[in-house]
Amino acid sequence: MVLHGHVLICGDHTGGLRSWDLSTLPTRNRQLEGHTAGIRAIDVDPVTNVIFTAADDRCVKMWGEAAVQTD
């Protein structure tokens, strides 16, 4: 789990990534699918807003800035 500005980003045991926009009421969220196994680590580049995740599927993924934004 990582807090990036007003967006909370969390990985789950199935490999999904979810982001919540904490600046809105009610809180808006977005679900992203990418890994096939649980996410172990999440980091965000503060300059580019790219999210990096590492998971039990032995993959590291890069998520674009759109992953940080919510619908």
PDB file of N, CA and C in Angstrom:
ATOM      1  N   MET A   1       0.846  -1.153   0.000  1.00  0.00           N
ATOM      2  CA  MET A   1       0.000   0.000   0.000  1.00  0.00           C
ATOM      3  C   MET A   1       0.906   1.233   0.000  1.00  0.00           C
ATOM      4  N   VAL A   2       0.511   2.250  -0.790  1.00  0.00           N
ATOM      5  CA  VAL A   2       1.281   3.494  -0.848  1.00  0.00           C
ATOM      6  C   VAL A   2       0.313   4.664  -1.022  1.00  0.00           C
ATOM      7  N   LEU A   3       0.641   5.773  -0.384  1.00  0.00           N
ATOM      8  CA  LEU A   3      -0.143   6.998  -0.541  1.00  0.00           C
ATOM      9  C   LEU A   3       0.654   7.937  -1.438  1.00  0.00           C
ATOM     10  N   HIS A   4       0.053   8.341  -2.551  1.00  0.00           N
ATOM     11  CA  HIS A   4       0.707   9.238  -3.507  1.00  0.00           C
ATOM     12  C   HIS A   4      -0.184  10.472  -3.645  1.00  0.00           C
ATOM     13  N   GLY A   5       0.195  11.538  -2.960  1.00  0.00           N
ATOM     14  CA  GLY A   5      -0.656  12.727  -2.948  1.00  0.00           C
ATOM     15  C   GLY A   5      -1.973  12.401  -2.271  1.00  0.00           C
ATOM     16  N   HIS A   6      -3.065  12.541  -2.993  1.00  0.00           N
ATOM     17  CA  HIS A   6      -4.391  12.235  -2.455  1.00  0.00           C
ATOM     18  C   HIS A   6      -4.917  10.883  -2.950  1.00  0.00           C
ATOM     19  N   VAL A   7      -4.036  10.074  -3.567  1.00  0.00           N
ATOM     20  CA  VAL A   7      -4.443   8.778  -4.100  1.00  0.00           C
ATOM     21  C   VAL A   7      -3.794   7.659  -3.288  1.00  0.00           C
ATOM     22  N   LEU A   8      -4.625   6.765  -2.776  1.00  0.00           N
ATOM     23  CA  LEU A   8      -4.156   5.585  -2.053  1.00  0.00           C
ATOM     24  C   LEU A   8      -4.137   4.423  -3.035  1.00  0.00           C
ATOM     25  N   ILE A   9      -2.994   3.715  -3.120  1.00  0.00           N
ATOM     26  CA  ILE A   9      -2.835   2.606  -4.059  1.00  0.00           C
ATOM     27  C   ILE A   9      -2.562   1.345  -3.264  1.00  0.00           C
ATOM     28  N   CYS A  10      -3.287   0.280  -3.578  1.00  0.00           N
ATOM     29  CA  CYS A  10      -3.172  -0.962  -2.818  1.00  0.00           C
ATOM     30  C   CYS A  10      -3.215  -2.149  -3.769  1.00  0.00           C
ATOM     31  N   GLY A  11      -2.330  -3.114  -3.526  1.00  0.00           N
ATOM     32  CA  GLY A  11      -2.345  -4.364  -4.285  1.00  0.00           C
ATOM     33  C   GLY A  11      -3.031  -5.441  -3.469  1.00  0.00           C
ATOM     34  N   ASP A  12      -3.580  -6.453  -4.156  1.00  0.00           N
ATOM     35  CA  ASP A  12      -4.257  -7.523  -3.424  1.00  0.00           C
ATOM     36  C   ASP A  12      -3.620  -8.876  -3.694  1.00  0.00           C
ATOM     37  N   HIS A  13      -4.137  -9.901  -3.034  1.00  0.00           N
ATOM     38  CA  HIS A  13      -3.550 -11.241  -3.117  1.00  0.00           C
ATOM     39  C   HIS A  13      -3.806 -11.929  -4.462  1.00  0.00           C
ATOM     40  N   THR A  14      -4.698 -11.389  -5.281  1.00  0.00           N
ATOM     41  CA  THR A  14      -4.965 -11.990  -6.586  1.00  0.00           C
ATOM     42  C   THR A  14      -4.172 -11.343  -7.706  1.00  0.00           C
ATOM     43  N   GLY A  15      -3.420 -10.276  -7.398  1.00  0.00           N
ATOM     44  CA  GLY A  15      -2.629  -9.582  -8.409  1.00  0.00           C
ATOM     45  C   GLY A  15      -3.270  -8.313  -8.926  1.00  0.00           C
ATOM     46  N   GLY A  16      -4.418  -7.955  -8.374  1.00  0.00           N
ATOM     47  CA  GLY A  16      -5.090  -6.726  -8.784  1.00  0.00           C
ATOM     48  C   GLY A  16      -4.508  -5.515  -8.076  1.00  0.00           C
ATOM     49  N   LEU A  17      -4.682  -4.377  -8.692  1.00  0.00           N
ATOM     50  CA  LEU A  17      -4.217  -3.106  -8.143  1.00  0.00           C
ATOM     51  C   LEU A  17      -5.426  -2.186  -8.090  1.00  0.00           C
ATOM     52  N   ARG A  18      -5.628  -1.520  -6.957  1.00  0.00           N
ATOM     53  CA  ARG A  18      -6.775  -0.629  -6.800  1.00  0.00           C
ATOM     54  C   ARG A  18      -6.274   0.712  -6.296  1.00  0.00           C
ATOM     55  N   SER A  19      -6.878   1.782  -6.827  1.00  0.00           N
ATOM     56  CA  SER A  19      -6.526   3.124  -6.363  1.00  0.00           C
ATOM     57  C   SER A  19      -7.787   3.848  -5.909  1.00  0.00           C
ATOM     58  N   TRP A  20      -7.649   4.634  -4.853  1.00  0.00           N
ATOM     59  CA  TRP A  20      -8.750   5.417  -4.306  1.00  0.00           C
ATOM     60  C   TRP A  20      -8.366   6.880  -4.318  1.00  0.00           C
ATOM     61  N   ASP A  21      -9.234   7.732  -4.825  1.00  0.00           N
ATOM     62  CA  ASP A  21      -9.036   9.178  -4.797  1.00  0.00           C
ATOM     63  C   ASP A  21      -9.635   9.693  -3.495  1.00  0.00           C
ATOM     64  N   LEU A  22      -8.781  10.018  -2.533  1.00  0.00           N
ATOM     65  CA  LEU A  22      -9.232  10.431  -1.214  1.00  0.00           C
ATOM     66  C   LEU A  22      -9.693  11.884  -1.159  1.00  0.00           C
ATOM     67  N   SER A  23      -9.561  12.608  -2.275  1.00  0.00           N
ATOM     68  CA  SER A  23      -9.973  14.010  -2.286  1.00  0.00           C
ATOM     69  C   SER A  23     -11.451  14.167  -2.626  1.00  0.00           C
ATOM     70  N   THR A  24     -12.135  13.077  -2.924  1.00  0.00           N
ATOM     71  CA  THR A  24     -13.544  13.140  -3.290  1.00  0.00           C
ATOM     72  C   THR A  24     -14.406  12.465  -2.240  1.00  0.00           C
ATOM     73  N   LEU A  25     -15.613  12.920  -2.118  1.00  0.00           N
ATOM     74  CA  LEU A  25     -16.602  12.275  -1.256  1.00  0.00           C
ATOM     75  C   LEU A  25     -17.853  12.018  -2.084  1.00  0.00           C
ATOM     76  N   PRO A  26     -18.327  10.818  -2.243  1.00  0.00           N
ATOM     77  CA  PRO A  26     -17.683   9.610  -1.734  1.00  0.00           C
ATOM     78  C   PRO A  26     -16.384   9.331  -2.496  1.00  0.00           C
ATOM     79  N   THR A  27     -15.532   8.556  -1.878  1.00  0.00           N
ATOM     80  CA  THR A  27     -14.238   8.221  -2.463  1.00  0.00           C
ATOM     81  C   THR A  27     -14.433   7.426  -3.748  1.00  0.00           C
ATOM     82  N   ARG A  28     -13.770   7.848  -4.827  1.00  0.00           N
ATOM     83  CA  ARG A  28     -13.831   7.117  -6.098  1.00  0.00           C
ATOM     84  C   ARG A  28     -12.680   6.124  -6.143  1.00  0.00           C
ATOM     85  N   ASN A  29     -12.919   4.975  -6.786  1.00  0.00           N
ATOM     86  CA  ASN A  29     -11.840   3.995  -6.886  1.00  0.00           C
ATOM     87  C   ASN A  29     -11.780   3.415  -8.281  1.00  0.00           C
ATOM     88  N   ARG A  30     -10.655   2.765  -8.549  1.00  0.00           N
ATOM     89  CA  ARG A  30     -10.411   2.147  -9.854  1.00  0.00           C
ATOM     90  C   ARG A  30      -9.688   0.831  -9.632  1.00  0.00           C
ATOM     91  N   GLN A  31     -10.133  -0.225 -10.298  1.00  0.00           N
ATOM     92  CA  GLN A  31      -9.519  -1.553 -10.213  1.00  0.00           C
ATOM     93  C   GLN A  31      -8.731  -1.820 -11.490  1.00  0.00           C
ATOM     94  N   LEU A  32      -7.488  -2.266 -11.339  1.00  0.00           N
ATOM     95  CA  LEU A  32      -6.642  -2.612 -12.478  1.00  0.00           C
ATOM     96  C   LEU A  32      -6.192  -4.057 -12.336  1.00  0.00           C
ATOM     97  N   GLU A  33      -6.172  -4.779 -13.425  1.00  0.00           N
ATOM     98  CA  GLU A  33      -5.710  -6.164 -13.424  1.00  0.00           C
ATOM     99  C   GLU A  33      -4.390  -6.226 -14.174  1.00  0.00           C
ATOM    100  N   GLY A  34      -3.473  -7.040 -13.697  1.00  0.00           N
ATOM    101  CA  GLY A  34      -2.195  -7.128 -14.384  1.00  0.00           C
ATOM    102  C   GLY A  34      -1.366  -8.313 -13.975  1.00  0.00           C
ATOM    103  N   HIS A  35      -1.236  -8.547 -12.697  1.00  0.00           N
ATOM    104  CA  HIS A  35      -0.471  -9.677 -12.203  1.00  0.00           C
ATOM    105  C   HIS A  35      -1.375 -10.906 -12.085  1.00  0.00           C
ATOM    106  N   THR A  36      -0.750 -12.071 -12.085  1.00  0.00           N
ATOM    107  CA  THR A  36      -1.509 -13.319 -11.923  1.00  0.00           C
ATOM    108  C   THR A  36      -1.369 -13.891 -10.516  1.00  0.00           C
ATOM    109  N   ALA A  37      -0.636 -13.209  -9.651  1.00  0.00           N
ATOM    110  CA  ALA A  37      -0.463 -13.626  -8.254  1.00  0.00           C
ATOM    111  C   ALA A  37      -0.334 -12.377  -7.392  1.00  0.00           C
ATOM    112  N   GLY A  38      -0.347 -12.555  -6.096  1.00  0.00           N
ATOM    113  CA  GLY A  38      -0.373 -11.448  -5.143  1.00  0.00           C
ATOM    114  C   GLY A  38       0.741 -10.436  -5.304  1.00  0.00           C
ATOM    115  N   ILE A  39       0.381  -9.170  -5.148  1.00  0.00           N
ATOM    116  CA  ILE A  39       1.347  -8.070  -5.219  1.00  0.00           C
ATOM    117  C   ILE A  39       2.074  -7.953  -3.891  1.00  0.00           C
ATOM    118  N   ARG A  40       3.398  -7.904  -3.942  1.00  0.00           N
ATOM    119  CA  ARG A  40       4.248  -7.821  -2.751  1.00  0.00           C
ATOM    120  C   ARG A  40       4.769  -6.414  -2.473  1.00  0.00           C
ATOM    121  N   ALA A  41       4.987  -5.611  -3.528  1.00  0.00           N
ATOM    122  CA  ALA A  41       5.574  -4.284  -3.347  1.00  0.00           C
ATOM    123  C   ALA A  41       4.999  -3.303  -4.358  1.00  0.00           C
ATOM    124  N   ILE A  42       4.832  -2.051  -3.915  1.00  0.00           N
ATOM    125  CA  ILE A  42       4.330  -0.973  -4.766  1.00  0.00           C
ATOM    126  C   ILE A  42       5.196   0.259  -4.501  1.00  0.00           C
ATOM    127  N   ASP A  43       5.564   0.959  -5.576  1.00  0.00           N
ATOM    128  CA  ASP A  43       6.271   2.228  -5.434  1.00  0.00           C
ATOM    129  C   ASP A  43       5.802   3.147  -6.553  1.00  0.00           C
ATOM    130  N   VAL A  44       5.855   4.457  -6.315  1.00  0.00           N
ATOM    131  CA  VAL A  44       5.429   5.441  -7.301  1.00  0.00           C
ATOM    132  C   VAL A  44       6.555   6.433  -7.521  1.00  0.00           C
ATOM    133  N   ASP A  45       6.882   6.688  -8.790  1.00  0.00           N
ATOM    134  CA  ASP A  45       7.851   7.730  -9.123  1.00  0.00           C
ATOM    135  C   ASP A  45       7.132   9.069  -8.988  1.00  0.00           C
ATOM    136  N   PRO A  46       7.567   9.938  -8.066  1.00  0.00           N
ATOM    137  CA  PRO A  46       6.853  11.196  -7.829  1.00  0.00           C
ATOM    138  C   PRO A  46       6.930  12.183  -8.989  1.00  0.00           C
ATOM    139  N   VAL A  47       7.885  12.015  -9.873  1.00  0.00           N
ATOM    140  CA  VAL A  47       8.032  12.942 -11.003  1.00  0.00           C
ATOM    141  C   VAL A  47       7.127  12.530 -12.165  1.00  0.00           C
ATOM    142  N   THR A  48       7.143  11.259 -12.512  1.00  0.00           N
ATOM    143  CA  THR A  48       6.393  10.784 -13.685  1.00  0.00           C
ATOM    144  C   THR A  48       5.040  10.174 -13.331  1.00  0.00           C
ATOM    145  N   ASN A  49       4.784   9.908 -12.042  1.00  0.00           N
ATOM    146  CA  ASN A  49       3.566   9.241 -11.571  1.00  0.00           C
ATOM    147  C   ASN A  49       3.433   7.810 -12.083  1.00  0.00           C
ATOM    148  N   VAL A  50       4.520   7.207 -12.509  1.00  0.00           N
ATOM    149  CA  VAL A  50       4.507   5.803 -12.923  1.00  0.00           C
ATOM    150  C   VAL A  50       4.530   4.933 -11.670  1.00  0.00           C
ATOM    151  N   ILE A  51       3.666   3.924 -11.640  1.00  0.00           N
ATOM    152  CA  ILE A  51       3.595   2.986 -10.525  1.00  0.00           C
ATOM    153  C   ILE A  51       4.378   1.733 -10.905  1.00  0.00           C
ATOM    154  N   PHE A  52       5.177   1.232  -9.975  1.00  0.00           N
ATOM    155  CA  PHE A  52       5.914  -0.013 -10.157  1.00  0.00           C
ATOM    156  C   PHE A  52       5.375  -1.025  -9.149  1.00  0.00           C
ATOM    157  N   THR A  53       5.081  -2.241  -9.613  1.00  0.00           N
ATOM    158  CA  THR A  53       4.625  -3.298  -8.714  1.00  0.00           C
ATOM    159  C   THR A  53       5.457  -4.557  -8.942  1.00  0.00           C
ATOM    160  N   ALA A  54       5.654  -5.310  -7.869  1.00  0.00           N
ATOM    161  CA  ALA A  54       6.326  -6.608  -7.931  1.00  0.00           C
ATOM    162  C   ALA A  54       5.398  -7.610  -7.264  1.00  0.00           C
ATOM    163  N   ALA A  55       5.298  -8.806  -7.864  1.00  0.00           N
ATOM    164  CA  ALA A  55       4.314  -9.767  -7.370  1.00  0.00           C
ATOM    165  C   ALA A  55       4.883 -11.175  -7.307  1.00  0.00           C
ATOM    166  N   ASP A  56       4.084 -12.059  -6.719  1.00  0.00           N
ATOM    167  CA  ASP A  56       4.454 -13.464  -6.594  1.00  0.00           C
ATOM    168  C   ASP A  56       4.508 -14.190  -7.933  1.00  0.00           C
ATOM    169  N   ASP A  57       4.031 -13.559  -9.016  1.00  0.00           N
ATOM    170  CA  ASP A  57       4.142 -14.178 -10.341  1.00  0.00           C
ATOM    171  C   ASP A  57       5.521 -13.947 -10.955  1.00  0.00           C
ATOM    172  N   ARG A  58       6.443 -13.410 -10.132  1.00  0.00           N
ATOM    173  CA  ARG A  58       7.830 -13.169 -10.511  1.00  0.00           C
ATOM    174  C   ARG A  58       7.961 -12.119 -11.620  1.00  0.00           C
ATOM    175  N   CYS A  59       7.025 -11.161 -11.626  1.00  0.00           N
ATOM    176  CA  CYS A  59       7.035 -10.090 -12.616  1.00  0.00           C
ATOM    177  C   CYS A  59       7.061  -8.737 -11.919  1.00  0.00           C
ATOM    178  N   VAL A  60       7.690  -7.779 -12.575  1.00  0.00           N
ATOM    179  CA  VAL A  60       7.621  -6.387 -12.175  1.00  0.00           C
ATOM    180  C   VAL A  60       6.869  -5.673 -13.279  1.00  0.00           C
ATOM    181  N   LYS A  61       5.876  -4.883 -12.904  1.00  0.00           N
ATOM    182  CA  LYS A  61       5.071  -4.172 -13.902  1.00  0.00           C
ATOM    183  C   LYS A  61       5.170  -2.681 -13.673  1.00  0.00           C
ATOM    184  N   MET A  62       5.078  -1.940 -14.785  1.00  0.00           N
ATOM    185  CA  MET A  62       5.022  -0.485 -14.756  1.00  0.00           C
ATOM    186  C   MET A  62       3.620  -0.085 -15.188  1.00  0.00           C
ATOM    187  N   TRP A  63       2.994   0.789 -14.410  1.00  0.00           N
ATOM    188  CA  TRP A  63       1.654   1.276 -14.712  1.00  0.00           C
ATOM    189  C   TRP A  63       1.773   2.753 -15.022  1.00  0.00           C
ATOM    190  N   GLY A  64       1.177   3.213 -16.097  1.00  0.00           N
ATOM    191  CA  GLY A  64       1.255   4.615 -16.492  1.00  0.00           C
ATOM    192  C   GLY A  64       0.546   5.548 -15.544  1.00  0.00           C
ATOM    193  N   GLU A  65       0.691   6.834 -15.782  1.00  0.00           N
ATOM    194  CA  GLU A  65       0.103   7.853 -14.925  1.00  0.00           C
ATOM    195  C   GLU A  65      -1.396   7.685 -14.805  1.00  0.00           C
ATOM    196  N   ALA A  66      -2.055   7.164 -15.822  1.00  0.00           N
ATOM    197  CA  ALA A  66      -3.512   6.969 -15.780  1.00  0.00           C
ATOM    198  C   ALA A  66      -3.928   6.023 -14.668  1.00  0.00           C
ATOM    199  N   ALA A  67      -3.030   5.137 -14.240  1.00  0.00           N
ATOM    200  CA  ALA A  67      -3.347   4.206 -13.154  1.00  0.00           C
ATOM    201  C   ALA A  67      -3.527   4.938 -11.828  1.00  0.00           C
ATOM    202  N   VAL A  68      -2.881   6.084 -11.676  1.00  0.00           N
ATOM    203  CA  VAL A  68      -2.981   6.858 -10.449  1.00  0.00           C
ATOM    204  C   VAL A  68      -4.304   7.636 -10.429  1.00  0.00           C
ATOM    205  N   GLN A  69      -4.815   7.988 -11.605  1.00  0.00           N
ATOM    206  CA  GLN A  69      -6.058   8.736 -11.683  1.00  0.00           C
ATOM    207  C   GLN A  69      -7.237   7.802 -11.519  1.00  0.00           C
ATOM    208  N   THR A  70      -8.340   8.313 -11.020  1.00  0.00           N
ATOM    209  CA  THR A  70      -9.541   7.517 -10.862  1.00  0.00           C
ATOM    210  C   THR A  70     -10.630   8.057 -11.781  1.00  0.00           C
ATOM    211  N   ASP A  71     -11.559   7.201 -12.144  1.00  0.00           N
ATOM    212  CA  ASP A  71     -12.669   7.600 -13.031  1.00  0.00           C
ATOM    213  C   ASP A  71     -13.774   8.255 -12.255  1.00  0.00           C
TER     214      ASP A  71
END
